[in-house]
N, C-alpha and C. Protein backbone atom coordinates (compact mmCIF):
# COMPACT_ATOMS: atom_id res chain seq x y z
N MET A 1 -9.96 71.33 67.75
CA MET A 1 -9.59 70.77 66.46
C MET A 1 -8.98 69.39 66.67
N ASN A 2 -9.40 68.43 65.88
CA ASN A 2 -8.87 67.07 65.97
C ASN A 2 -7.51 67.00 65.29
N PRO A 3 -6.57 66.25 65.89
CA PRO A 3 -5.27 66.10 65.22
C PRO A 3 -5.41 65.20 63.99
N LEU A 4 -4.56 65.44 63.02
CA LEU A 4 -4.57 64.64 61.80
C LEU A 4 -3.91 63.29 62.05
N PRO A 5 -4.29 62.27 61.29
CA PRO A 5 -3.63 60.96 61.44
C PRO A 5 -2.15 61.07 61.07
N ILE A 6 -1.34 60.20 61.66
CA ILE A 6 0.11 60.26 61.46
C ILE A 6 0.49 60.00 60.00
N TRP A 7 -0.25 59.12 59.31
CA TRP A 7 0.09 58.84 57.92
C TRP A 7 -0.13 60.07 57.04
N LEU A 8 -1.15 60.87 57.39
CA LEU A 8 -1.40 62.08 56.62
C LEU A 8 -0.34 63.14 56.90
N ASP A 9 0.10 63.24 58.16
CA ASP A 9 1.19 64.14 58.49
C ASP A 9 2.46 63.79 57.73
N VAL A 10 2.77 62.49 57.67
CA VAL A 10 3.97 62.05 56.95
C VAL A 10 3.84 62.34 55.46
N LEU A 11 2.68 62.06 54.87
CA LEU A 11 2.46 62.33 53.46
C LEU A 11 2.59 63.81 53.14
N LEU A 12 2.01 64.65 53.97
CA LEU A 12 2.10 66.10 53.76
C LEU A 12 3.53 66.60 53.90
N ALA A 13 4.25 66.06 54.87
CA ALA A 13 5.65 66.47 55.05
C ALA A 13 6.49 66.06 53.85
N VAL A 14 6.25 64.85 53.33
CA VAL A 14 7.00 64.40 52.16
C VAL A 14 6.68 65.28 50.95
N LEU A 15 5.41 65.61 50.75
CA LEU A 15 5.03 66.47 49.63
C LEU A 15 5.68 67.85 49.74
N VAL A 16 5.72 68.42 50.94
CA VAL A 16 6.33 69.74 51.11
C VAL A 16 7.83 69.68 50.88
N VAL A 17 8.50 68.65 51.40
CA VAL A 17 9.95 68.53 51.22
C VAL A 17 10.29 68.27 49.74
N VAL A 18 9.55 67.40 49.08
CA VAL A 18 9.78 67.14 47.65
C VAL A 18 9.51 68.40 46.84
N GLY A 19 8.44 69.11 47.16
CA GLY A 19 8.14 70.35 46.46
C GLY A 19 9.22 71.40 46.65
N ALA A 20 9.72 71.54 47.87
CA ALA A 20 10.79 72.49 48.13
C ALA A 20 12.07 72.08 47.40
N GLY A 21 12.33 70.77 47.34
CA GLY A 21 13.51 70.29 46.61
C GLY A 21 13.43 70.60 45.12
N PHE A 22 12.26 70.37 44.52
CA PHE A 22 12.11 70.69 43.10
C PHE A 22 12.22 72.19 42.85
N ALA A 23 11.65 73.00 43.74
CA ALA A 23 11.75 74.45 43.57
C ALA A 23 13.20 74.90 43.69
N LEU A 24 13.96 74.28 44.59
CA LEU A 24 15.39 74.61 44.73
C LEU A 24 16.16 74.22 43.48
N ILE A 25 15.88 73.04 42.94
CA ILE A 25 16.54 72.61 41.71
C ILE A 25 16.20 73.55 40.55
N GLY A 26 14.95 73.97 40.47
CA GLY A 26 14.56 74.91 39.42
C GLY A 26 15.25 76.25 39.56
N SER A 27 15.42 76.72 40.80
CA SER A 27 16.11 78.00 40.98
C SER A 27 17.59 77.88 40.68
N PHE A 28 18.20 76.74 40.98
CA PHE A 28 19.60 76.53 40.58
C PHE A 28 19.73 76.51 39.06
N GLY A 29 18.76 75.89 38.40
CA GLY A 29 18.78 75.88 36.94
C GLY A 29 18.67 77.27 36.36
N LEU A 30 17.86 78.11 36.97
CA LEU A 30 17.72 79.49 36.51
C LEU A 30 19.02 80.27 36.71
N ALA A 31 19.70 80.02 37.81
CA ALA A 31 20.91 80.78 38.12
C ALA A 31 22.15 80.25 37.40
N ARG A 32 22.22 78.95 37.16
CA ARG A 32 23.48 78.36 36.70
C ARG A 32 23.56 78.01 35.22
N LEU A 33 22.44 77.85 34.54
CA LEU A 33 22.52 77.45 33.14
C LEU A 33 23.01 78.60 32.26
N SER A 34 23.55 78.25 31.09
CA SER A 34 24.35 79.21 30.33
C SER A 34 23.56 80.21 29.51
N ASP A 35 22.56 79.81 28.76
CA ASP A 35 21.89 80.77 27.89
C ASP A 35 20.39 80.85 28.23
N PHE A 36 19.71 81.76 27.55
CA PHE A 36 18.32 82.05 27.87
C PHE A 36 17.41 80.84 27.72
N VAL A 37 17.56 80.11 26.63
CA VAL A 37 16.66 78.99 26.36
C VAL A 37 16.83 77.91 27.42
N LYS A 38 18.06 77.67 27.84
CA LYS A 38 18.29 76.69 28.91
C LYS A 38 17.76 77.20 30.25
N ARG A 39 17.88 78.50 30.49
CA ARG A 39 17.41 79.06 31.75
C ARG A 39 15.90 79.00 31.88
N VAL A 40 15.19 79.05 30.79
CA VAL A 40 13.73 78.97 30.85
C VAL A 40 13.31 77.56 31.26
N HIS A 41 14.10 76.57 30.89
CA HIS A 41 13.75 75.17 31.13
C HIS A 41 13.66 74.85 32.63
N GLY A 42 14.60 75.36 33.43
CA GLY A 42 14.63 75.05 34.85
C GLY A 42 13.37 75.45 35.60
N PRO A 43 13.01 76.72 35.57
CA PRO A 43 11.80 77.11 36.30
C PRO A 43 10.52 76.52 35.72
N THR A 44 10.50 76.30 34.43
CA THR A 44 9.27 75.78 33.84
C THR A 44 8.99 74.36 34.31
N LYS A 45 9.99 73.53 34.29
CA LYS A 45 9.76 72.12 34.66
C LYS A 45 9.82 71.91 36.17
N ALA A 46 10.97 72.17 36.76
CA ALA A 46 11.19 71.80 38.16
C ALA A 46 10.40 72.66 39.13
N SER A 47 10.40 73.95 38.92
CA SER A 47 9.69 74.81 39.86
C SER A 47 8.18 74.63 39.77
N THR A 48 7.67 74.36 38.59
CA THR A 48 6.24 74.10 38.46
C THR A 48 5.86 72.84 39.23
N LEU A 49 6.67 71.81 39.13
CA LEU A 49 6.40 70.59 39.88
C LEU A 49 6.53 70.83 41.38
N GLY A 50 7.52 71.65 41.78
CA GLY A 50 7.69 71.97 43.20
C GLY A 50 6.50 72.73 43.77
N VAL A 51 6.06 73.75 43.06
CA VAL A 51 4.90 74.52 43.51
C VAL A 51 3.66 73.63 43.52
N GLY A 52 3.55 72.74 42.55
CA GLY A 52 2.42 71.82 42.51
C GLY A 52 2.38 70.90 43.72
N CYS A 53 3.53 70.37 44.12
CA CYS A 53 3.58 69.49 45.29
C CYS A 53 3.19 70.24 46.57
N VAL A 54 3.69 71.47 46.73
CA VAL A 54 3.35 72.25 47.92
C VAL A 54 1.87 72.60 47.93
N LEU A 55 1.32 72.95 46.79
CA LEU A 55 -0.11 73.28 46.74
C LEU A 55 -0.99 72.06 46.99
N ILE A 56 -0.59 70.91 46.50
CA ILE A 56 -1.36 69.69 46.75
C ILE A 56 -1.30 69.33 48.23
N ALA A 57 -0.14 69.51 48.86
CA ALA A 57 -0.03 69.27 50.30
C ALA A 57 -0.93 70.24 51.08
N SER A 58 -0.95 71.49 50.65
CA SER A 58 -1.82 72.47 51.31
C SER A 58 -3.29 72.11 51.15
N ALA A 59 -3.68 71.72 49.95
CA ALA A 59 -5.07 71.32 49.71
C ALA A 59 -5.44 70.11 50.55
N ALA A 60 -4.55 69.13 50.65
CA ALA A 60 -4.85 67.93 51.44
C ALA A 60 -4.99 68.28 52.93
N TYR A 61 -4.11 69.16 53.42
CA TYR A 61 -4.18 69.55 54.82
C TYR A 61 -5.49 70.27 55.14
N PHE A 62 -5.83 71.29 54.35
CA PHE A 62 -7.03 72.06 54.64
C PHE A 62 -8.30 71.26 54.38
N THR A 63 -8.27 70.33 53.44
CA THR A 63 -9.42 69.46 53.23
C THR A 63 -9.61 68.52 54.41
N ALA A 64 -8.53 67.91 54.89
CA ALA A 64 -8.63 67.01 56.05
C ALA A 64 -9.09 67.77 57.28
N ARG A 65 -8.56 68.96 57.49
CA ARG A 65 -8.97 69.76 58.63
C ARG A 65 -10.43 70.21 58.50
N GLY A 66 -10.81 70.58 57.28
CA GLY A 66 -12.19 71.02 57.07
C GLY A 66 -13.19 69.89 57.22
N LEU A 67 -12.84 68.69 56.75
CA LEU A 67 -13.75 67.56 56.88
C LEU A 67 -13.89 67.12 58.33
N SER A 68 -12.80 67.22 59.12
CA SER A 68 -12.89 66.81 60.51
C SER A 68 -13.69 67.81 61.35
N SER A 69 -13.72 69.08 60.94
CA SER A 69 -14.47 70.08 61.69
C SER A 69 -15.84 70.37 61.09
N GLY A 70 -16.16 69.72 59.96
CA GLY A 70 -17.46 69.89 59.34
C GLY A 70 -17.56 71.06 58.39
N GLU A 71 -16.43 71.69 58.03
CA GLU A 71 -16.46 72.84 57.13
C GLU A 71 -16.49 72.44 55.66
N GLY A 72 -16.01 71.27 55.32
CA GLY A 72 -16.00 70.82 53.93
C GLY A 72 -14.61 70.85 53.33
N ALA A 73 -14.56 70.50 52.05
CA ALA A 73 -13.28 70.40 51.35
C ALA A 73 -12.80 71.77 50.90
N SER A 74 -11.48 71.89 50.73
CA SER A 74 -10.86 73.11 50.24
C SER A 74 -10.41 72.89 48.81
N LEU A 75 -10.96 73.67 47.89
CA LEU A 75 -10.62 73.52 46.48
C LEU A 75 -9.80 74.69 45.93
N HIS A 76 -9.53 75.68 46.74
CA HIS A 76 -8.79 76.85 46.26
C HIS A 76 -7.40 76.47 45.75
N GLU A 77 -6.71 75.62 46.49
CA GLU A 77 -5.35 75.24 46.11
C GLU A 77 -5.34 74.43 44.81
N LEU A 78 -6.36 73.61 44.62
CA LEU A 78 -6.43 72.84 43.38
C LEU A 78 -6.65 73.74 42.17
N MET A 79 -7.42 74.79 42.36
CA MET A 79 -7.62 75.75 41.27
C MET A 79 -6.32 76.50 40.97
N ILE A 80 -5.58 76.87 42.01
CA ILE A 80 -4.29 77.54 41.81
C ILE A 80 -3.31 76.61 41.12
N THR A 81 -3.28 75.33 41.51
CA THR A 81 -2.40 74.34 40.88
C THR A 81 -2.73 74.19 39.41
N LEU A 82 -4.00 74.09 39.09
CA LEU A 82 -4.41 73.99 37.69
C LEU A 82 -3.96 75.22 36.91
N PHE A 83 -4.14 76.40 37.49
CA PHE A 83 -3.73 77.63 36.83
C PHE A 83 -2.22 77.65 36.59
N VAL A 84 -1.43 77.26 37.58
CA VAL A 84 0.04 77.25 37.43
C VAL A 84 0.45 76.23 36.37
N PHE A 85 -0.15 75.04 36.39
CA PHE A 85 0.22 74.02 35.42
C PHE A 85 -0.17 74.39 33.99
N LEU A 86 -1.20 75.21 33.83
CA LEU A 86 -1.60 75.64 32.49
C LEU A 86 -0.80 76.85 32.00
N THR A 87 -0.49 77.78 32.89
CA THR A 87 0.14 79.02 32.44
C THR A 87 1.66 78.96 32.35
N ALA A 88 2.33 78.18 33.17
CA ALA A 88 3.80 78.14 33.14
C ALA A 88 4.34 77.62 31.81
N PRO A 89 3.87 76.50 31.28
CA PRO A 89 4.39 76.06 29.98
C PRO A 89 4.05 77.01 28.84
N VAL A 90 2.87 77.60 28.89
CA VAL A 90 2.47 78.53 27.82
C VAL A 90 3.35 79.77 27.84
N SER A 91 3.58 80.33 29.03
CA SER A 91 4.42 81.53 29.10
C SER A 91 5.86 81.22 28.72
N ALA A 92 6.38 80.06 29.10
CA ALA A 92 7.74 79.69 28.70
C ALA A 92 7.83 79.52 27.19
N HIS A 93 6.82 78.92 26.60
CA HIS A 93 6.80 78.75 25.14
C HIS A 93 6.80 80.11 24.44
N LEU A 94 6.01 81.03 24.93
CA LEU A 94 5.95 82.36 24.32
C LEU A 94 7.27 83.11 24.51
N LEU A 95 7.92 82.95 25.65
CA LEU A 95 9.22 83.60 25.87
C LEU A 95 10.27 83.06 24.92
N VAL A 96 10.29 81.74 24.73
CA VAL A 96 11.27 81.15 23.82
C VAL A 96 10.98 81.55 22.38
N LYS A 97 9.72 81.58 21.99
CA LYS A 97 9.37 82.02 20.63
C LYS A 97 9.83 83.47 20.39
N ALA A 98 9.63 84.33 21.38
CA ALA A 98 10.07 85.72 21.25
C ALA A 98 11.59 85.81 21.17
N ALA A 99 12.29 84.99 21.96
CA ALA A 99 13.75 84.99 21.91
C ALA A 99 14.25 84.49 20.57
N LEU A 100 13.62 83.48 20.02
CA LEU A 100 14.02 82.97 18.70
C LEU A 100 13.82 84.03 17.62
N LYS A 101 12.77 84.80 17.76
CA LYS A 101 12.49 85.83 16.76
C LYS A 101 13.43 87.03 16.89
N LEU A 102 13.79 87.39 18.12
CA LEU A 102 14.61 88.58 18.35
C LEU A 102 16.11 88.32 18.21
N ASP A 103 16.57 87.12 18.52
CA ASP A 103 18.00 86.82 18.49
C ASP A 103 18.27 85.78 17.41
N PRO A 104 18.88 86.16 16.30
CA PRO A 104 19.10 85.19 15.22
C PRO A 104 20.17 84.15 15.54
N THR A 105 20.95 84.35 16.61
CA THR A 105 21.98 83.36 16.94
C THR A 105 21.41 82.14 17.63
N ILE A 106 20.20 82.26 18.17
CA ILE A 106 19.55 81.12 18.82
C ILE A 106 18.87 80.30 17.74
N ARG A 107 19.19 79.03 17.69
CA ARG A 107 18.58 78.14 16.70
C ARG A 107 17.77 77.08 17.41
N PRO A 108 16.59 76.80 16.92
CA PRO A 108 15.82 75.71 17.54
C PRO A 108 16.50 74.38 17.27
N PRO A 109 16.34 73.41 18.16
CA PRO A 109 16.97 72.10 17.93
C PRO A 109 16.39 71.42 16.70
N ALA A 110 17.26 70.69 15.99
CA ALA A 110 16.81 69.98 14.79
C ALA A 110 15.91 68.82 15.20
N ARG A 111 14.90 68.61 14.43
CA ARG A 111 13.99 67.49 14.69
C ARG A 111 14.53 66.24 14.03
N PRO A 112 14.37 65.10 14.68
CA PRO A 112 14.86 63.86 14.08
C PRO A 112 14.23 63.57 12.73
N ALA A 113 12.97 63.89 12.56
CA ALA A 113 12.32 63.64 11.26
C ALA A 113 12.94 64.51 10.18
N ASP A 114 13.31 65.75 10.52
CA ASP A 114 13.97 66.63 9.55
C ASP A 114 15.34 66.09 9.17
N ASP A 115 16.06 65.54 10.16
CA ASP A 115 17.39 64.97 9.87
C ASP A 115 17.28 63.77 8.95
N ASP A 116 16.28 62.90 9.18
CA ASP A 116 16.10 61.73 8.34
C ASP A 116 15.76 62.14 6.90
N ALA A 117 14.89 63.14 6.76
CA ALA A 117 14.52 63.59 5.42
C ALA A 117 15.72 64.20 4.72
N ALA A 118 16.55 64.94 5.46
CA ALA A 118 17.74 65.55 4.85
C ALA A 118 18.74 64.46 4.42
N ARG A 119 18.90 63.44 5.25
CA ARG A 119 19.83 62.35 4.90
C ARG A 119 19.34 61.60 3.67
N ARG A 120 18.04 61.36 3.60
CA ARG A 120 17.49 60.64 2.44
C ARG A 120 17.66 61.46 1.16
N SER A 121 17.46 62.76 1.25
CA SER A 121 17.58 63.58 0.04
C SER A 121 19.05 63.70 -0.40
N GLU A 122 20.00 63.65 0.58
CA GLU A 122 21.42 63.71 0.23
C GLU A 122 21.89 62.40 -0.39
N SER A 123 21.37 61.28 0.09
CA SER A 123 21.83 59.97 -0.40
C SER A 123 21.15 59.60 -1.72
N ASN A 124 19.99 60.15 -2.01
CA ASN A 124 19.28 59.86 -3.27
C ASN A 124 19.06 61.13 -4.08
N PRO A 125 20.09 61.67 -4.68
CA PRO A 125 19.85 62.88 -5.49
C PRO A 125 19.05 62.52 -6.73
N SER A 126 18.01 63.27 -6.96
CA SER A 126 17.13 62.97 -8.11
C SER A 126 17.45 63.86 -9.27
């Protein structure tokens, strides 16, 4: 097996370290934030990006190794990355919607457009 170029080794190492850092930040967010809606935010954003970086590094490594040995490119990791990037936000959205429906104390954040309309209707009573 041919060794990989040094620039590719450095790039892969940076992707793995950045991915691990984002996954760590996401897990801290899951453990340390106060309520359910805030806890969903950490793993959805940071951990998804962390897993994406690690999977892209894996795909780049196996593609470079496969091309140097004549086996071809590896697309499995890219398919997994696409699946994670599509399903994580959707599942978090569904979890928050269910929490909003089940717990009446959780209120969705006010939209700026709603605030402007409320201010206009208060200042101009018809």
